[in-house]
Every structure is written in C-alpha cells, then in structure tokens.
C-alpha cells in the first residue's frame, strides 16, 4: 500500500500491478495497492518507495 499525492492518484493507478486500495469495499483515494508482482525487482520496489517517501515527506509534521 502506497500513499500518493491526490493529483497523481489516477496516473499511479495506470502503473502495472497497481489498483485502488479497497480493503473496506470502497476505494480509498490517495492510496494505491501494489501487487507483490509489481515489487519483484529492486528497481520496482525502489520506484514505489521513493514515491511514498516523497509524498510522506511533503506532509506537515504531526
């Protein structure tokens, strides 16, 4: 599960192995579920981690 910027949500859903996070039966906008197949290589995992870290770093401190 990756939290993504609202303006990039639709774009991220077009990535291979990505789908809306809908564990409750309703998609939670701003969160993308990446199937393990989409994280098999170091490069793929790094790409998703960088995206998640970049967005989390942009949020105000709690």
PDB file of N, CA and C in Angstrom:
ATOM      1  N   UNK A   1       0.847  -1.161   0.000  1.00  0.00           N
ATOM      2  CA  UNK A   1       0.000   0.000   0.000  1.00  0.00           C
ATOM      3  C   UNK A   1       0.899   1.231   0.000  1.00  0.00           C
ATOM      4  N   UNK A   2       0.587   2.171  -0.877  1.00  0.00           N
ATOM      5  CA  UNK A   2       1.388   3.380  -1.024  1.00  0.00           C
ATOM      6  C   UNK A   2       0.448   4.578  -0.995  1.00  0.00           C
ATOM      7  N   UNK A   3       0.775   5.554  -0.178  1.00  0.00           N
ATOM      8  CA  UNK A   3       0.009   6.800  -0.177  1.00  0.00           C
ATOM      9  C   UNK A   3       0.615   7.714  -1.229  1.00  0.00           C
ATOM     10  N   UNK A   4      -0.246   8.249  -2.085  1.00  0.00           N
ATOM     11  CA  UNK A   4       0.231   9.063  -3.204  1.00  0.00           C
ATOM     12  C   UNK A   4      -0.464  10.418  -3.203  1.00  0.00           C
ATOM     13  N   UNK A   5       0.157  11.415  -3.828  1.00  0.00           N
ATOM     14  CA  UNK A   5      -0.473  12.734  -3.899  1.00  0.00           C
ATOM     15  C   UNK A   5      -1.801  12.667  -4.650  1.00  0.00           C
ATOM     16  N   UNK A   6      -2.798  13.413  -4.192  1.00  0.00           N
ATOM     17  CA  UNK A   6      -4.105  13.383  -4.861  1.00  0.00           C
ATOM     18  C   UNK A   6      -4.017  13.659  -6.363  1.00  0.00           C
ATOM     19  N   UNK A   7      -3.165  14.566  -6.768  1.00  0.00           N
ATOM     20  CA  UNK A   7      -3.038  14.900  -8.183  1.00  0.00           C
ATOM     21  C   UNK A   7      -2.366  13.830  -9.023  1.00  0.00           C
ATOM     22  N   UNK A   8      -1.777  12.826  -8.378  1.00  0.00           N
ATOM     23  CA  UNK A   8      -1.090  11.755  -9.107  1.00  0.00           C
ATOM     24  C   UNK A   8      -1.791  10.407  -8.964  1.00  0.00           C
ATOM     25  N   UNK A   9      -2.892  10.389  -8.232  1.00  0.00           N
ATOM     26  CA  UNK A   9      -3.603   9.142  -7.942  1.00  0.00           C
ATOM     27  C   UNK A   9      -3.976   8.389  -9.226  1.00  0.00           C
ATOM     28  N   UNK A  10      -4.663   9.053 -10.147  1.00  0.00           N
ATOM     29  CA  UNK A  10      -5.106   8.387 -11.379  1.00  0.00           C
ATOM     30  C   UNK A  10      -3.918   7.895 -12.201  1.00  0.00           C
ATOM     31  N   UNK A  11      -2.856   8.686 -12.263  1.00  0.00           N
ATOM     32  CA  UNK A  11      -1.662   8.293 -13.008  1.00  0.00           C
ATOM     33  C   UNK A  11      -1.033   7.037 -12.393  1.00  0.00           C
ATOM     34  N   UNK A  12      -0.963   6.992 -11.065  1.00  0.00           N
ATOM     35  CA  UNK A  12      -0.357   5.839 -10.386  1.00  0.00           C
ATOM     36  C   UNK A  12      -1.177   4.571 -10.618  1.00  0.00           C
ATOM     37  N   UNK A  13      -2.497   4.716 -10.744  1.00  0.00           N
ATOM     38  CA  UNK A  13      -3.337   3.545 -10.986  1.00  0.00           C
ATOM     39  C   UNK A  13      -3.078   2.926 -12.352  1.00  0.00           C
ATOM     40  N   UNK A  14      -2.494   3.670 -13.259  1.00  0.00           N
ATOM     41  CA  UNK A  14      -2.182   3.153 -14.595  1.00  0.00           C
ATOM     42  C   UNK A  14      -0.886   2.350 -14.614  1.00  0.00           C
ATOM     43  N   UNK A  15      -0.150   2.387 -13.518  1.00  0.00           N
ATOM     44  CA  UNK A  15       1.104   1.623 -13.426  1.00  0.00           C
ATOM     45  C   UNK A  15       0.784   0.122 -13.377  1.00  0.00           C
ATOM     46  N   UNK A  16       1.673  -0.711 -13.935  1.00  0.00           N
ATOM     47  CA  UNK A  16       1.456  -2.157 -13.855  1.00  0.00           C
ATOM     48  C   UNK A  16       1.350  -2.621 -12.399  1.00  0.00           C
ATOM     49  N   UNK A  17       0.412  -3.510 -12.154  1.00  0.00           N
ATOM     50  CA  UNK A  17       0.217  -4.152 -10.852  1.00  0.00           C
ATOM     51  C   UNK A  17      -0.318  -3.208  -9.776  1.00  0.00           C
ATOM     52  N   UNK A  18      -0.814  -2.042 -10.157  1.00  0.00           N
ATOM     53  CA  UNK A  18      -1.376  -1.098  -9.188  1.00  0.00           C
ATOM     54  C   UNK A  18      -2.893  -1.087  -9.330  1.00  0.00           C
ATOM     55  N   UNK A  19      -3.563  -0.940  -8.197  1.00  0.00           N
ATOM     56  CA  UNK A  19      -5.024  -0.848  -8.206  1.00  0.00           C
ATOM     57  C   UNK A  19      -5.455  -0.012  -7.010  1.00  0.00           C
ATOM     58  N   UNK A  20      -6.697   0.430  -7.013  1.00  0.00           N
ATOM     59  CA  UNK A  20      -7.163   1.200  -5.856  1.00  0.00           C
ATOM     60  C   UNK A  20      -7.114   0.351  -4.592  1.00  0.00           C
ATOM     61  N   UNK A  21      -6.787   0.962  -3.489  1.00  0.00           N
ATOM     62  CA  UNK A  21      -6.839   0.262  -2.211  1.00  0.00           C
ATOM     63  C   UNK A  21      -8.297   0.243  -1.783  1.00  0.00           C
ATOM     64  N   UNK A  22      -8.863  -0.938  -1.704  1.00  0.00           N
ATOM     65  CA  UNK A  22     -10.290  -1.048  -1.402  1.00  0.00           C
ATOM     66  C   UNK A  22     -10.576  -2.168  -0.405  1.00  0.00           C
ATOM     67  N   UNK A  23      -9.803  -2.238   0.631  1.00  0.00           N
ATOM     68  CA  UNK A  23      -9.968  -3.304   1.613  1.00  0.00           C
ATOM     69  C   UNK A  23     -11.317  -3.241   2.316  1.00  0.00           C
ATOM     70  N   UNK A  24     -11.938  -2.074   2.349  1.00  0.00           N
ATOM     71  CA  UNK A  24     -13.234  -1.917   3.013  1.00  0.00           C
ATOM     72  C   UNK A  24     -14.387  -2.083   2.038  1.00  0.00           C
ATOM     73  N   UNK A  25     -14.083  -2.308   0.753  1.00  0.00           N
ATOM     74  CA  UNK A  25     -15.119  -2.414  -0.257  1.00  0.00           C
ATOM     75  C   UNK A  25     -15.325  -1.116  -1.015  1.00  0.00           C
ATOM     76  N   UNK A  26     -14.752  -0.047  -0.516  1.00  0.00           N
ATOM     77  CA  UNK A  26     -14.808   1.254  -1.186  1.00  0.00           C
ATOM     78  C   UNK A  26     -13.381   1.732  -1.405  1.00  0.00           C
ATOM     79  N   UNK A  27     -13.070   2.172  -2.621  1.00  0.00           N
ATOM     80  CA  UNK A  27     -11.707   2.665  -2.870  1.00  0.00           C
ATOM     81  C   UNK A  27     -11.374   3.855  -1.979  1.00  0.00           C
ATOM     82  N   UNK A  28     -10.183   3.848  -1.433  1.00  0.00           N
ATOM     83  CA  UNK A  28      -9.704   4.944  -0.598  1.00  0.00           C
ATOM     84  C   UNK A  28      -8.781   5.787  -1.463  1.00  0.00           C
ATOM     85  N   UNK A  29      -9.291   6.922  -1.928  1.00  0.00           N
ATOM     86  CA  UNK A  29      -8.499   7.784  -2.813  1.00  0.00           C
ATOM     87  C   UNK A  29      -7.234   8.242  -2.101  1.00  0.00           C
ATOM     88  N   UNK A  30      -6.160   8.267  -2.864  1.00  0.00           N
ATOM     89  CA  UNK A  30      -4.890   8.684  -2.295  1.00  0.00           C
ATOM     90  C   UNK A  30      -4.035   7.515  -1.840  1.00  0.00           C
ATOM     91  N   UNK A  31      -4.600   6.322  -1.873  1.00  0.00           N
ATOM     92  CA  UNK A  31      -3.850   5.124  -1.512  1.00  0.00           C
ATOM     93  C   UNK A  31      -3.938   4.131  -2.659  1.00  0.00           C
ATOM     94  N   UNK A  32      -2.804   3.569  -3.037  1.00  0.00           N
ATOM     95  CA  UNK A  32      -2.718   2.614  -4.133  1.00  0.00           C
ATOM     96  C   UNK A  32      -2.161   1.311  -3.581  1.00  0.00           C
ATOM     97  N   UNK A  33      -2.797   0.207  -3.946  1.00  0.00           N
ATOM     98  CA  UNK A  33      -2.280  -1.106  -3.585  1.00  0.00           C
ATOM     99  C   UNK A  33      -1.417  -1.595  -4.744  1.00  0.00           C
ATOM    100  N   UNK A  34      -0.207  -1.997  -4.443  1.00  0.00           N
ATOM    101  CA  UNK A  34       0.696  -2.531  -5.463  1.00  0.00           C
ATOM    102  C   UNK A  34       0.847  -4.026  -5.194  1.00  0.00           C
ATOM    103  N   UNK A  35       0.443  -4.820  -6.154  1.00  0.00           N
ATOM    104  CA  UNK A  35       0.547  -6.267  -6.040  1.00  0.00           C
ATOM    105  C   UNK A  35       2.016  -6.668  -5.873  1.00  0.00           C
ATOM    106  N   UNK A  36       2.296  -7.701  -5.100  1.00  0.00           N
ATOM    107  CA  UNK A  36       3.687  -8.137  -4.926  1.00  0.00           C
ATOM    108  C   UNK A  36       4.431  -8.365  -6.246  1.00  0.00           C
ATOM    109  N   UNK A  37       3.711  -8.743  -7.299  1.00  0.00           N
ATOM    110  CA  UNK A  37       4.364  -8.919  -8.604  1.00  0.00           C
ATOM    111  C   UNK A  37       4.975  -7.609  -9.099  1.00  0.00           C
ATOM    112  N   UNK A  38       4.415  -6.491  -8.671  1.00  0.00           N
ATOM    113  CA  UNK A  38       4.923  -5.193  -9.084  1.00  0.00           C
ATOM    114  C   UNK A  38       6.099  -4.712  -8.274  1.00  0.00           C
ATOM    115  N   UNK A  39       6.529  -5.530  -7.319  1.00  0.00           N
ATOM    116  CA  UNK A  39       7.638  -5.156  -6.437  1.00  0.00           C
ATOM    117  C   UNK A  39       8.769  -6.182  -6.474  1.00  0.00           C
ATOM    118  N   UNK A  40       8.769  -7.032  -7.465  1.00  0.00           N
ATOM    119  CA  UNK A  40       9.730  -8.144  -7.513  1.00  0.00           C
ATOM    120  C   UNK A  40      11.171  -7.719  -7.711  1.00  0.00           C
ATOM    121  N   UNK A  41      11.387  -6.665  -8.455  1.00  0.00           N
ATOM    122  CA  UNK A  41      12.769  -6.249  -8.698  1.00  0.00           C
ATOM    123  C   UNK A  41      13.143  -5.122  -7.743  1.00  0.00           C
ATOM    124  N   UNK A  42      14.424  -4.992  -7.507  1.00  0.00           N
ATOM    125  CA  UNK A  42      14.893  -3.894  -6.649  1.00  0.00           C
ATOM    126  C   UNK A  42      14.488  -2.546  -7.232  1.00  0.00           C
ATOM    127  N   UNK A  43      14.563  -2.426  -8.551  1.00  0.00           N
ATOM    128  CA  UNK A  43      14.212  -1.165  -9.198  1.00  0.00           C
ATOM    129  C   UNK A  43      12.747  -0.805  -9.021  1.00  0.00           C
ATOM    130  N   UNK A  44      11.870  -1.794  -9.156  1.00  0.00           N
ATOM    131  CA  UNK A  44      10.434  -1.545  -8.993  1.00  0.00           C
ATOM    132  C   UNK A  44      10.115  -1.171  -7.550  1.00  0.00           C
ATOM    133  N   UNK A  45      10.688  -1.892  -6.613  1.00  0.00           N
ATOM    134  CA  UNK A  45      10.470  -1.579  -5.201  1.00  0.00           C
ATOM    135  C   UNK A  45      10.989  -0.183  -4.878  1.00  0.00           C
ATOM    136  N   UNK A  46      12.166   0.135  -5.372  1.00  0.00           N
ATOM    137  CA  UNK A  46      12.754   1.450  -5.113  1.00  0.00           C
ATOM    138  C   UNK A  46      11.877   2.568  -5.682  1.00  0.00           C
ATOM    139  N   UNK A  47      11.328   2.356  -6.875  1.00  0.00           N
ATOM    140  CA  UNK A  47      10.470   3.364  -7.503  1.00  0.00           C
ATOM    141  C   UNK A  47       9.262   3.676  -6.615  1.00  0.00           C
ATOM    142  N   UNK A  48       8.586   2.639  -6.121  1.00  0.00           N
ATOM    143  CA  UNK A  48       7.409   2.851  -5.279  1.00  0.00           C
ATOM    144  C   UNK A  48       7.789   3.436  -3.923  1.00  0.00           C
ATOM    145  N   UNK A  49       8.899   2.988  -3.367  1.00  0.00           N
ATOM    146  CA  UNK A  49       9.336   3.547  -2.081  1.00  0.00           C
ATOM    147  C   UNK A  49       9.683   5.027  -2.205  1.00  0.00           C
ATOM    148  N   UNK A  50      10.357   5.397  -3.274  1.00  0.00           N
ATOM    149  CA  UNK A  50      10.705   6.812  -3.475  1.00  0.00           C
ATOM    150  C   UNK A  50       9.449   7.667  -3.589  1.00  0.00           C
ATOM    151  N   UNK A  51       8.455   7.169  -4.292  1.00  0.00           N
ATOM    152  CA  UNK A  51       7.195   7.906  -4.423  1.00  0.00           C
ATOM    153  C   UNK A  51       6.530   8.082  -3.057  1.00  0.00           C
ATOM    154  N   UNK A  52       6.471   7.007  -2.302  1.00  0.00           N
ATOM    155  CA  UNK A  52       5.829   7.062  -0.988  1.00  0.00           C
ATOM    156  C   UNK A  52       6.575   7.992  -0.042  1.00  0.00           C
ATOM    157  N   UNK A  53       7.883   7.899  -0.034  1.00  0.00           N
ATOM    158  CA  UNK A  53       8.697   8.741   0.856  1.00  0.00           C
ATOM    159  C   UNK A  53       8.583  10.206   0.455  1.00  0.00           C
ATOM    160  N   UNK A  54       8.597  10.481  -0.840  1.00  0.00           N
ATOM    161  CA  UNK A  54       8.485  11.868  -1.303  1.00  0.00           C
ATOM    162  C   UNK A  54       7.165  12.478  -0.853  1.00  0.00           C
ATOM    163  N   UNK A  55       6.077  11.733  -0.975  1.00  0.00           N
ATOM    164  CA  UNK A  55       4.785  12.287  -0.568  1.00  0.00           C
ATOM    165  C   UNK A  55       4.708  12.427   0.946  1.00  0.00           C
ATOM    166  N   UNK A  56       5.121  11.406   1.673  1.00  0.00           N
ATOM    167  CA  UNK A  56       5.077  11.478   3.140  1.00  0.00           C
ATOM    168  C   UNK A  56       5.935  12.629   3.655  1.00  0.00           C
ATOM    169  N   UNK A  57       7.051  12.873   3.013  1.00  0.00           N
ATOM    170  CA  UNK A  57       7.938  13.966   3.432  1.00  0.00           C
ATOM    171  C   UNK A  57       7.326  15.337   3.170  1.00  0.00           C
ATOM    172  N   UNK A  58       6.374  15.407   2.255  1.00  0.00           N
ATOM    173  CA  UNK A  58       5.746  16.689   1.928  1.00  0.00           C
ATOM    174  C   UNK A  58       4.614  17.054   2.889  1.00  0.00           C
ATOM    175  N   UNK A  59       4.191  16.102   3.702  1.00  0.00           N
ATOM    176  CA  UNK A  59       3.083  16.350   4.634  1.00  0.00           C
ATOM    177  C   UNK A  59       3.574  17.105   5.865  1.00  0.00           C
ATOM    178  N   UNK A  60       2.691  17.890   6.488  1.00  0.00           N
ATOM    179  CA  UNK A  60       3.095  18.596   7.706  1.00  0.00           C
ATOM    180  C   UNK A  60       3.414  17.607   8.829  1.00  0.00           C
ATOM    181  N   UNK A  61       4.328  17.989   9.682  1.00  0.00           N
ATOM    182  CA  UNK A  61       4.690  17.138  10.824  1.00  0.00           C
ATOM    183  C   UNK A  61       3.506  17.025  11.773  1.00  0.00           C
ATOM    184  N   UNK A  62       3.399  15.887  12.396  1.00  0.00           N
ATOM    185  CA  UNK A  62       2.322  15.681  13.377  1.00  0.00           C
ATOM    186  C   UNK A  62       2.842  15.894  14.767  1.00  0.00           C
TER     187      UNK A  62
END
